[in-house]
Amino acid sequence: MAKKLLLVDVDCGVDDAQALMLALAAPHVEILGITCCHGNTTIENVCRNVLRVLKTCNRLQIPVYRGATRPLLSKSVHASFYHGVDGLGDAPDSSSPDLDLVQKEHAVLAMIRIINDYPGEVSLVATGPLTNLALAVNMDPTFPQKINSLFIMGGNMESRGNLTVCAEFNFACDPEAAYIVLNSYDCPTHIATWEFTYKNSLPWEFYHEWISQKTEKAEFMRKISAHAEKFTKSSAEEKEEDWTKGFVTCDSYAMVAAVDDTFVTDAINCVVGVELSGTLTRGMMVLDTLGMLQRKHKVFVMTKCDRDKLKFFLMKALR
């Protein structure tokens, strides 16, 4: 595969960690920097979690930057119910790297600098709220024009929410940021929505085989994922749903799309918008398939993918 240069923006919870480890294990991928944002947990935990992942993968030389601590306008929301209070399943870690390893440069300034250093060469992968991206384009309106491609995990395509009735977590965390990004970024944009990831879930049998590999990385993944697995099962039982339907590693779908051009096998190419004022629909992404928003820039909303490739990259991540 051709070499891929990535800049990754995360709110490092369990699935962000899975996506990061996937990219770190791909030999044709070079991560130029990891920028941190509020979301699944506090910004301090996010930075610490990224360092924990990098230490596990022996890649602490990759620079990590501290970014937005809260949404542009909304109240902060975290996902401790799924990811644990610390964002990585509350799995004890007595050897967690010191936060002094985080770069002094602010994440947004680092994003602008890195993209300027490699104009047209870097793909930006965003797996958390889009606050840092919104701040970047507000500081430098030319920022999106210098990005090769943007890959987002967030939003929805069928008005099904996982935090509120109609909104996916990342967009619901900072609807204004999502609105700014989807209205201001004119680079090729690819979105892995909540419904897309859920519909392309993997069997739990694969998940248990994946975390049972006899490696330090697999043991790390087993520990940090246990809380999310337990929550998924208990939540499904409470709703009288079949929890065996599948294991969903949301952020990994956007990451595989960024590292392998053949992963996505079908997508809807259309203009999208974000609802900001609806009582029940705030943060919901809307697909404008009729062209009524009268905007030129269309994005690719993923609908189908090669799940065997996802399995391949995930297995390789823990070897």
Protein backbone atom coordinates (compact mmCIF):
# COMPACT_ATOMS: atom_id res chain seq x y z
CA MET A 1 0.00 0.00 0.00
CA ALA A 2 1.06 3.59 -0.62
CA LYS A 3 2.39 5.42 2.42
CA LYS A 4 -0.25 7.28 4.44
CA LEU A 5 0.47 10.36 6.53
CA LEU A 6 -2.09 10.81 9.32
CA LEU A 7 -2.95 13.43 11.89
CA VAL A 8 -5.32 11.91 14.46
CA ASP A 9 -7.71 13.85 16.71
CA VAL A 10 -9.14 11.78 19.57
CA ASP A 11 -11.11 11.86 22.83
CA CYS A 12 -9.34 8.67 23.79
CA GLY A 13 -11.84 6.17 25.08
CA VAL A 14 -11.77 2.45 24.43
CA ASP A 15 -12.67 2.55 20.74
CA ASP A 16 -10.24 5.44 20.11
CA ALA A 17 -7.54 3.22 21.63
CA GLN A 18 -8.58 0.39 19.33
CA ALA A 19 -8.41 2.69 16.30
CA LEU A 20 -5.02 4.10 17.33
CA MET A 21 -3.51 0.65 17.85
CA LEU A 22 -4.84 -0.40 14.47
CA ALA A 23 -3.09 2.51 12.75
CA LEU A 24 0.12 2.09 14.75
CA ALA A 25 0.38 -1.51 13.55
CA ALA A 26 -0.01 -0.64 9.86
CA PRO A 27 3.49 -0.48 8.32
CA HIS A 28 2.45 1.94 5.56
CA VAL A 29 1.05 4.49 8.04
CA GLU A 30 2.96 7.34 9.69
CA ILE A 31 1.15 9.25 12.43
CA LEU A 32 2.60 12.77 12.53
CA GLY A 33 0.81 13.75 15.71
CA ILE A 34 -2.11 12.95 18.00
CA THR A 35 -4.28 15.83 19.17
CA CYS A 36 -6.53 15.42 22.19
CA CYS A 37 -10.04 16.74 22.77
CA HIS A 38 -12.66 16.56 25.51
CA GLY A 39 -15.37 13.95 24.99
CA ASN A 40 -15.38 10.43 26.40
CA THR A 41 -13.57 11.73 29.48
CA THR A 42 -11.69 14.81 30.70
CA ILE A 43 -8.86 16.25 28.63
CA GLU A 44 -6.31 15.16 31.24
CA ASN A 45 -7.54 11.57 31.02
CA VAL A 46 -7.60 11.73 27.22
CA CYS A 47 -3.94 12.80 27.12
CA ARG A 48 -2.97 10.14 29.66
CA ASN A 49 -4.89 7.46 27.74
CA VAL A 50 -3.14 8.30 24.47
CA LEU A 51 0.21 8.00 26.23
CA ARG A 52 -0.85 4.64 27.68
CA VAL A 53 -1.67 3.38 24.19
CA LEU A 54 1.60 4.66 22.77
CA LYS A 55 3.57 3.07 25.61
CA THR A 56 1.85 -0.28 25.05
CA CYS A 57 2.78 -0.07 21.37
CA ASN A 58 6.33 1.22 22.05
CA ARG A 59 5.59 4.42 20.13
CA LEU A 60 5.99 7.17 22.72
CA GLN A 61 8.06 9.17 20.22
CA ILE A 62 4.84 10.26 18.47
CA PRO A 63 3.96 13.77 19.74
CA VAL A 64 0.76 14.21 21.73
CA TYR A 65 -0.97 17.60 22.07
CA ARG A 66 -3.54 18.86 24.57
CA GLY A 67 -6.52 20.53 22.93
CA ALA A 68 -10.04 21.75 23.69
CA THR A 69 -11.19 21.12 27.25
CA ARG A 70 -14.89 21.74 26.61
CA PRO A 71 -17.43 22.28 23.81
CA LEU A 72 -17.75 25.65 22.06
CA LEU A 73 -21.13 26.45 23.66
CA SER A 74 -22.65 23.34 25.20
CA LYS A 75 -22.18 21.89 28.65
CA SER A 76 -19.53 19.19 28.84
CA VAL A 77 -20.71 15.60 28.47
CA HIS A 78 -18.66 12.50 29.22
CA ALA A 79 -19.24 8.78 28.54
CA SER A 80 -18.17 7.12 31.76
CA PHE A 81 -21.19 4.81 31.55
CA TYR A 82 -19.51 3.06 28.60
CA HIS A 83 -15.79 3.87 28.76
CA GLY A 84 -15.36 4.11 32.53
CA VAL A 85 -14.55 7.28 34.44
CA ASP A 86 -10.95 7.35 33.19
CA GLY A 87 -11.97 6.57 29.61
CA LEU A 88 -10.16 3.24 29.44
CA GLY A 89 -12.46 1.01 31.45
CA ASP A 90 -11.05 2.09 34.83
CA ALA A 91 -8.41 -0.61 34.38
CA PRO A 92 -5.62 -0.03 36.94
CA ASP A 93 -2.27 1.06 35.50
CA SER A 94 0.53 1.70 37.97
CA SER A 95 3.00 2.49 35.18
CA SER A 96 0.99 5.12 33.29
CA PRO A 97 3.30 7.59 31.49
CA ASP A 98 3.76 11.03 33.01
CA LEU A 99 1.69 13.85 31.50
CA ASP A 100 4.94 15.81 31.18
CA LEU A 101 5.35 13.89 27.91
CA VAL A 102 2.48 15.90 26.39
CA GLN A 103 3.79 18.67 24.15
CA LYS A 104 3.56 22.28 25.35
CA GLU A 105 2.16 23.47 22.00
CA HIS A 106 -1.64 23.63 21.90
CA ALA A 107 -3.31 20.95 19.78
CA VAL A 108 -5.01 23.42 17.44
CA LEU A 109 -1.76 25.27 16.73
CA ALA A 110 -0.03 21.93 16.17
CA MET A 111 -2.72 20.85 13.71
CA ILE A 112 -2.30 24.01 11.66
CA ARG A 113 1.51 23.74 11.75
CA ILE A 114 1.61 20.06 10.76
CA ILE A 115 -0.81 20.52 7.87
CA ASN A 116 1.21 23.54 6.68
CA ASP A 117 4.38 21.43 6.81
CA TYR A 118 2.78 18.78 4.56
CA PRO A 119 0.19 20.61 2.42
CA GLY A 120 -2.06 18.23 0.52
CA GLU A 121 -0.37 15.14 1.96
CA VAL A 122 -2.00 14.50 5.34
CA SER A 123 -5.31 12.80 6.07
CA LEU A 124 -7.01 13.99 9.25
CA VAL A 125 -8.87 11.34 11.24
CA ALA A 126 -11.30 12.67 13.87
CA THR A 127 -12.79 10.15 16.31
CA GLY A 128 -14.16 12.51 18.96
CA PRO A 129 -16.10 15.78 19.18
CA LEU A 130 -14.99 18.16 16.43
CA THR A 131 -14.06 21.09 18.69
CA ASN A 132 -10.36 21.18 17.76
CA LEU A 133 -11.24 21.06 14.05
CA ALA A 134 -13.73 23.91 14.41
CA LEU A 135 -11.18 26.02 16.26
CA ALA A 136 -8.55 25.28 13.59
CA VAL A 137 -10.68 26.50 10.69
CA ASN A 138 -11.73 29.57 12.68
CA MET A 139 -8.06 30.42 13.25
CA ASP A 140 -7.00 29.59 9.69
CA PRO A 141 -9.81 29.50 7.09
CA THR A 142 -7.38 27.94 4.57
CA PHE A 143 -6.72 24.96 6.85
CA PRO A 144 -9.23 22.56 5.18
CA GLN A 145 -7.84 23.29 1.71
CA LYS A 146 -4.46 21.87 2.75
CA ILE A 147 -5.85 18.53 4.01
CA ASN A 148 -5.69 15.52 1.71
CA SER A 149 -8.82 13.92 3.19
CA LEU A 150 -10.93 14.14 6.34
CA PHE A 151 -12.30 11.01 8.02
CA ILE A 152 -14.90 11.47 10.76
CA MET A 153 -16.50 9.00 13.13
CA GLY A 154 -19.69 10.73 14.17
CA GLY A 155 -23.17 11.81 13.25
CA ASN A 156 -26.01 9.66 12.05
CA MET A 157 -27.91 8.95 8.86
CA GLU A 158 -31.26 7.60 10.09
CA SER A 159 -31.90 9.93 13.07
CA ARG A 160 -30.96 7.15 15.51
CA GLY A 161 -29.05 8.46 18.49
CA ASN A 162 -26.84 6.77 21.07
CA LEU A 163 -26.58 9.66 23.54
CA THR A 164 -29.85 11.48 22.88
CA VAL A 165 -32.92 10.32 20.98
CA CYS A 166 -31.62 11.57 17.62
CA ALA A 167 -27.93 12.41 18.06
CA GLU A 168 -24.71 10.39 18.03
CA PHE A 169 -22.33 11.01 20.94
CA ASN A 170 -19.51 12.92 19.19
CA PHE A 171 -21.87 15.34 17.45
CA ALA A 172 -24.09 15.67 20.53
CA CYS A 173 -21.04 16.61 22.62
CA ASP A 174 -20.42 19.71 20.49
CA PRO A 175 -23.12 20.33 17.86
CA GLU A 176 -21.76 23.79 17.02
CA ALA A 177 -18.33 22.35 16.25
CA ALA A 178 -19.86 19.67 14.01
CA TYR A 179 -21.90 22.37 12.25
CA ILE A 180 -18.80 24.51 11.63
CA VAL A 181 -16.75 21.59 10.32
CA LEU A 182 -19.41 20.27 7.96
CA ASN A 183 -20.06 23.78 6.65
CA SER A 184 -16.44 24.96 6.40
CA TYR A 185 -14.35 21.95 5.39
CA ASP A 186 -14.29 21.56 1.61
CA CYS A 187 -11.68 18.78 1.44
CA PRO A 188 -12.74 15.21 0.54
CA THR A 189 -14.74 14.16 3.59
CA HIS A 190 -15.74 10.64 4.64
CA ILE A 191 -18.11 9.97 7.55
CA ALA A 192 -18.62 6.75 9.49
CA THR A 193 -21.96 7.29 11.21
CA TRP A 194 -23.30 5.53 14.29
CA GLU A 195 -25.81 3.48 12.24
CA PHE A 196 -23.11 2.46 9.75
CA THR A 197 -20.84 1.10 12.46
CA TYR A 198 -23.70 -0.65 14.25
CA LYS A 199 -24.96 -2.32 11.07
CA ASN A 200 -21.45 -3.52 10.25
CA SER A 201 -20.69 -4.94 13.69
CA LEU A 202 -18.42 -7.93 14.17
CA PRO A 203 -19.31 -11.22 15.89
CA TRP A 204 -18.57 -11.45 19.61
CA GLU A 205 -16.76 -14.68 18.80
CA PHE A 206 -14.26 -12.63 16.83
CA TYR A 207 -13.92 -10.16 19.70
CA HIS A 208 -13.02 -12.92 22.18
CA GLU A 209 -10.55 -14.45 19.73
CA TRP A 210 -9.08 -10.98 19.18
CA ILE A 211 -8.43 -10.16 22.85
CA SER A 212 -7.25 -13.71 23.63
CA GLN A 213 -4.07 -13.43 21.58
CA LYS A 214 -1.06 -14.12 23.78
CA THR A 215 0.51 -10.68 23.59
CA GLU A 216 0.95 -7.67 25.87
CA LYS A 217 -1.21 -5.59 23.52
CA ALA A 218 -4.07 -8.11 23.66
CA GLU A 219 -3.90 -8.21 27.47
CA PHE A 220 -4.04 -4.40 27.54
CA MET A 221 -7.08 -4.45 25.24
CA ARG A 222 -8.80 -7.15 27.28
CA LYS A 223 -8.46 -5.09 30.45
CA ILE A 224 -9.59 -1.72 29.05
CA SER A 225 -12.51 -3.25 27.09
CA ALA A 226 -14.05 -5.30 29.92
CA HIS A 227 -16.15 -2.41 31.26
CA ALA A 228 -17.61 -1.61 27.81
CA GLU A 229 -18.37 -5.28 27.13
CA LYS A 230 -20.21 -5.60 30.44
CA PHE A 231 -22.18 -2.40 29.78
CA THR A 232 -23.16 -3.56 26.27
CA LYS A 233 -24.49 -6.86 27.57
CA SER A 234 -26.39 -5.41 30.53
CA SER A 235 -27.84 -2.58 28.43
CA ALA A 236 -29.10 -5.03 25.81
CA GLU A 237 -30.64 -7.28 28.44
CA GLU A 238 -32.37 -4.30 30.05
CA LYS A 239 -33.86 -3.36 26.67
CA GLU A 240 -34.67 -7.03 25.98
CA GLU A 241 -32.41 -6.97 22.94
CA ASP A 242 -30.08 -9.67 21.66
CA TRP A 243 -26.63 -8.45 22.80
CA THR A 244 -24.98 -11.16 20.67
CA LYS A 245 -25.76 -9.15 17.53
CA GLY A 246 -22.23 -7.82 17.47
CA PHE A 247 -19.14 -6.05 18.74
CA VAL A 248 -18.91 -2.43 17.55
CA THR A 249 -15.57 -0.61 17.57
CA CYS A 250 -16.95 2.66 16.23
CA ASP A 251 -13.76 4.67 15.73
CA SER A 252 -11.95 1.84 13.98
CA TYR A 253 -14.25 2.12 10.96
CA ALA A 254 -13.11 5.67 10.26
CA MET A 255 -9.49 4.67 10.85
CA VAL A 256 -9.56 1.68 8.48
CA ALA A 257 -11.20 3.88 5.84
CA ALA A 258 -8.28 6.29 6.22
CA VAL A 259 -5.55 3.64 5.97
CA ASP A 260 -7.11 1.41 3.29
CA ASP A 261 -8.79 3.01 0.28
CA THR A 262 -10.66 -0.22 -0.56
CA PHE A 263 -12.31 -0.74 2.85
CA VAL A 264 -15.51 1.23 2.10
CA THR A 265 -17.47 -0.50 -0.64
CA ASP A 266 -20.43 1.87 -0.90
CA ALA A 267 -21.33 5.37 0.27
CA ILE A 268 -23.93 8.09 -0.18
CA ASN A 269 -22.43 11.24 -1.74
CA CYS A 270 -24.48 14.21 -0.61
CA VAL A 271 -24.55 17.47 1.31
CA VAL A 272 -25.02 17.08 5.06
CA GLY A 273 -26.08 19.46 7.82
CA VAL A 274 -26.29 19.48 11.61
CA GLU A 275 -29.37 20.47 13.59
CA LEU A 276 -28.59 23.02 16.31
CA SER A 277 -31.92 24.13 17.73
CA GLY A 278 -34.31 21.19 17.81
CA THR A 279 -35.57 20.17 21.24
CA LEU A 280 -35.29 16.47 20.39
CA THR A 281 -32.94 16.65 17.42
CA ARG A 282 -30.07 18.95 18.50
CA GLY A 283 -26.80 17.48 17.21
CA MET A 284 -28.49 15.23 14.64
CA MET A 285 -26.81 15.00 11.25
CA VAL A 286 -29.13 15.46 8.28
CA LEU A 287 -28.52 14.04 4.80
CA ASP A 288 -29.65 16.43 2.07
CA THR A 289 -30.30 13.93 -0.72
CA LEU A 290 -32.69 16.37 -2.44
CA GLY A 291 -30.24 19.27 -2.68
CA MET A 292 -32.47 21.60 -0.68
CA LEU A 293 -29.64 23.12 1.37
CA GLN A 294 -28.18 24.53 -1.85
CA ARG A 295 -24.57 23.92 -0.87
CA LYS A 296 -21.87 22.66 -3.21
CA HIS A 297 -19.63 20.53 -1.01
CA LYS A 298 -20.77 16.92 -0.76
CA VAL A 299 -19.38 14.33 1.64
CA PHE A 300 -19.19 10.55 1.47
CA VAL A 301 -21.43 8.93 4.09
CA MET A 302 -20.29 5.32 4.40
CA THR A 303 -22.95 2.62 4.00
CA LYS A 304 -21.10 -0.63 3.28
CA CYS A 305 -17.62 -1.96 4.01
CA ASP A 306 -15.38 -5.02 3.83
CA ARG A 307 -15.63 -6.40 7.36
CA ASP A 308 -12.92 -8.96 6.69
CA LYS A 309 -10.47 -6.09 6.24
CA LEU A 310 -11.57 -4.60 9.54
CA LYS A 311 -10.92 -7.96 11.19
CA PHE A 312 -7.51 -8.15 9.53
CA PHE A 313 -6.40 -4.73 10.78
CA LEU A 314 -7.76 -5.37 14.28
CA MET A 315 -6.02 -8.72 14.61
CA LYS A 316 -2.77 -7.22 13.41
CA ALA A 317 -3.11 -4.39 15.94
CA LEU A 318 -2.73 -6.76 18.90
CA ARG A 319 0.01 -9.04 17.61
